Amino acid sequence: MPSHGSLTKAGKVRGQTPKIQPKEKHKEPPRVRNRMEYERRVLKGSQKPQRAARRM
């Protein structure tokens, strides 16, 4: 059963791609993030309205 493409060319593009360092991700701890979401949702009262379902 023939394969699609030769195995000698496997990984050619990935090997030629220059390696870049991943960016450092900044995420608040869940405690801080939950507090901010609570303040925005409950204390400030800015809730997004639910989108109405479309009828056809």
C-alpha atoms as a PDB file:
ATOM      1  CA  MET A   1       0.000   0.000   0.000  1.00  0.00           C
ATOM      2  CA  PRO A   2       1.703   3.226  -1.099  1.00  0.00           C
ATOM      3  CA  SER A   3       1.996   6.102   1.340  1.00  0.00           C
ATOM      4  CA  HIS A   4       1.208   9.705   0.652  1.00  0.00           C
ATOM      5  CA  GLY A   5       4.585  11.427   0.287  1.00  0.00           C
ATOM      6  CA  SER A   6       7.990   9.998   1.046  1.00  0.00           C
ATOM      7  CA  LEU A   7       9.267   9.446   4.557  1.00  0.00           C
ATOM      8  CA  THR A   8      12.560  11.131   3.690  1.00  0.00           C
ATOM      9  CA  LYS A   9      10.773  14.483   3.531  1.00  0.00           C
ATOM     10  CA  ALA A  10       8.881  14.058   6.813  1.00  0.00           C
ATOM     11  CA  GLY A  11       9.220  17.048   9.155  1.00  0.00           C
ATOM     12  CA  LYS A  12      10.974  19.246   6.572  1.00  0.00           C
ATOM     13  CA  VAL A  13       8.972  22.422   7.163  1.00  0.00           C
ATOM     14  CA  ARG A  14       8.914  22.140  10.929  1.00  0.00           C
ATOM     15  CA  GLY A  15      12.660  21.597  11.002  1.00  0.00           C
ATOM     16  CA  GLN A  16      13.272  24.726   8.902  1.00  0.00           C
ATOM     17  CA  THR A  17      11.012  26.965  10.985  1.00  0.00           C
ATOM     18  CA  PRO A  18      12.983  29.177  13.371  1.00  0.00           C
ATOM     19  CA  LYS A  19      12.388  28.499  17.057  1.00  0.00           C
ATOM     20  CA  ILE A  20      10.835  31.429  18.935  1.00  0.00           C
ATOM     21  CA  GLN A  21      10.406  31.662  22.685  1.00  0.00           C
ATOM     22  CA  PRO A  22       6.798  31.553  23.956  1.00  0.00           C
ATOM     23  CA  LYS A  23       5.422  34.781  25.388  1.00  0.00           C
ATOM     24  CA  GLU A  24       4.976  34.918  29.120  1.00  0.00           C
ATOM     25  CA  LYS A  25       1.288  34.698  29.955  1.00  0.00           C
ATOM     26  CA  HIS A  26      -0.046  36.886  32.716  1.00  0.00           C
ATOM     27  CA  LYS A  27      -3.068  35.452  34.485  1.00  0.00           C
ATOM     28  CA  GLU A  28      -4.408  36.551  37.816  1.00  0.00           C
ATOM     29  CA  PRO A  29      -4.933  33.857  40.423  1.00  0.00           C
ATOM     30  CA  PRO A  30      -8.526  32.550  40.382  1.00  0.00           C
ATOM     31  CA  ARG A  31      -9.305  34.286  43.682  1.00  0.00           C
ATOM     32  CA  VAL A  32      -8.502  37.716  42.222  1.00  0.00           C
ATOM     33  CA  ARG A  33     -10.201  36.986  38.895  1.00  0.00           C
ATOM     34  CA  ASN A  34     -13.389  35.753  40.600  1.00  0.00           C
ATOM     35  CA  ARG A  35     -13.472  38.860  42.778  1.00  0.00           C
ATOM     36  CA  MET A  36     -13.181  41.143  39.752  1.00  0.00           C
ATOM     37  CA  GLU A  37     -15.942  39.246  37.937  1.00  0.00           C
ATOM     38  CA  TYR A  38     -18.168  39.451  41.031  1.00  0.00           C
ATOM     39  CA  GLU A  39     -17.668  43.210  41.313  1.00  0.00           C
ATOM     40  CA  ARG A  40     -18.430  43.752  37.651  1.00  0.00           C
ATOM     41  CA  ARG A  41     -21.461  41.453  37.617  1.00  0.00           C
ATOM     42  CA  VAL A  42     -23.111  42.095  41.002  1.00  0.00           C
ATOM     43  CA  LEU A  43     -21.866  45.354  42.462  1.00  0.00           C
ATOM     44  CA  LYS A  44     -21.732  47.400  39.260  1.00  0.00           C
ATOM     45  CA  GLY A  45     -24.663  45.563  37.707  1.00  0.00           C
ATOM     46  CA  SER A  46     -23.294  45.552  34.189  1.00  0.00           C
ATOM     47  CA  GLN A  47     -24.682  42.362  32.744  1.00  0.00           C
ATOM     48  CA  LYS A  48     -24.806  41.652  29.069  1.00  0.00           C
ATOM     49  CA  PRO A  49     -28.367  41.091  27.906  1.00  0.00           C
ATOM     50  CA  GLN A  50     -29.183  37.638  26.626  1.00  0.00           C
ATOM     51  CA  ARG A  51     -29.582  37.442  22.918  1.00  0.00           C
ATOM     52  CA  ALA A  52     -33.073  36.476  21.819  1.00  0.00           C
ATOM     53  CA  ALA A  53     -33.393  33.284  19.849  1.00  0.00           C
ATOM     54  CA  ARG A  54     -34.158  33.891  16.207  1.00  0.00           C
ATOM     55  CA  ARG A  55     -37.312  32.445  14.766  1.00  0.00           C
ATOM     56  CA  MET A  56     -37.742  31.455  11.167  1.00  0.00           C
END
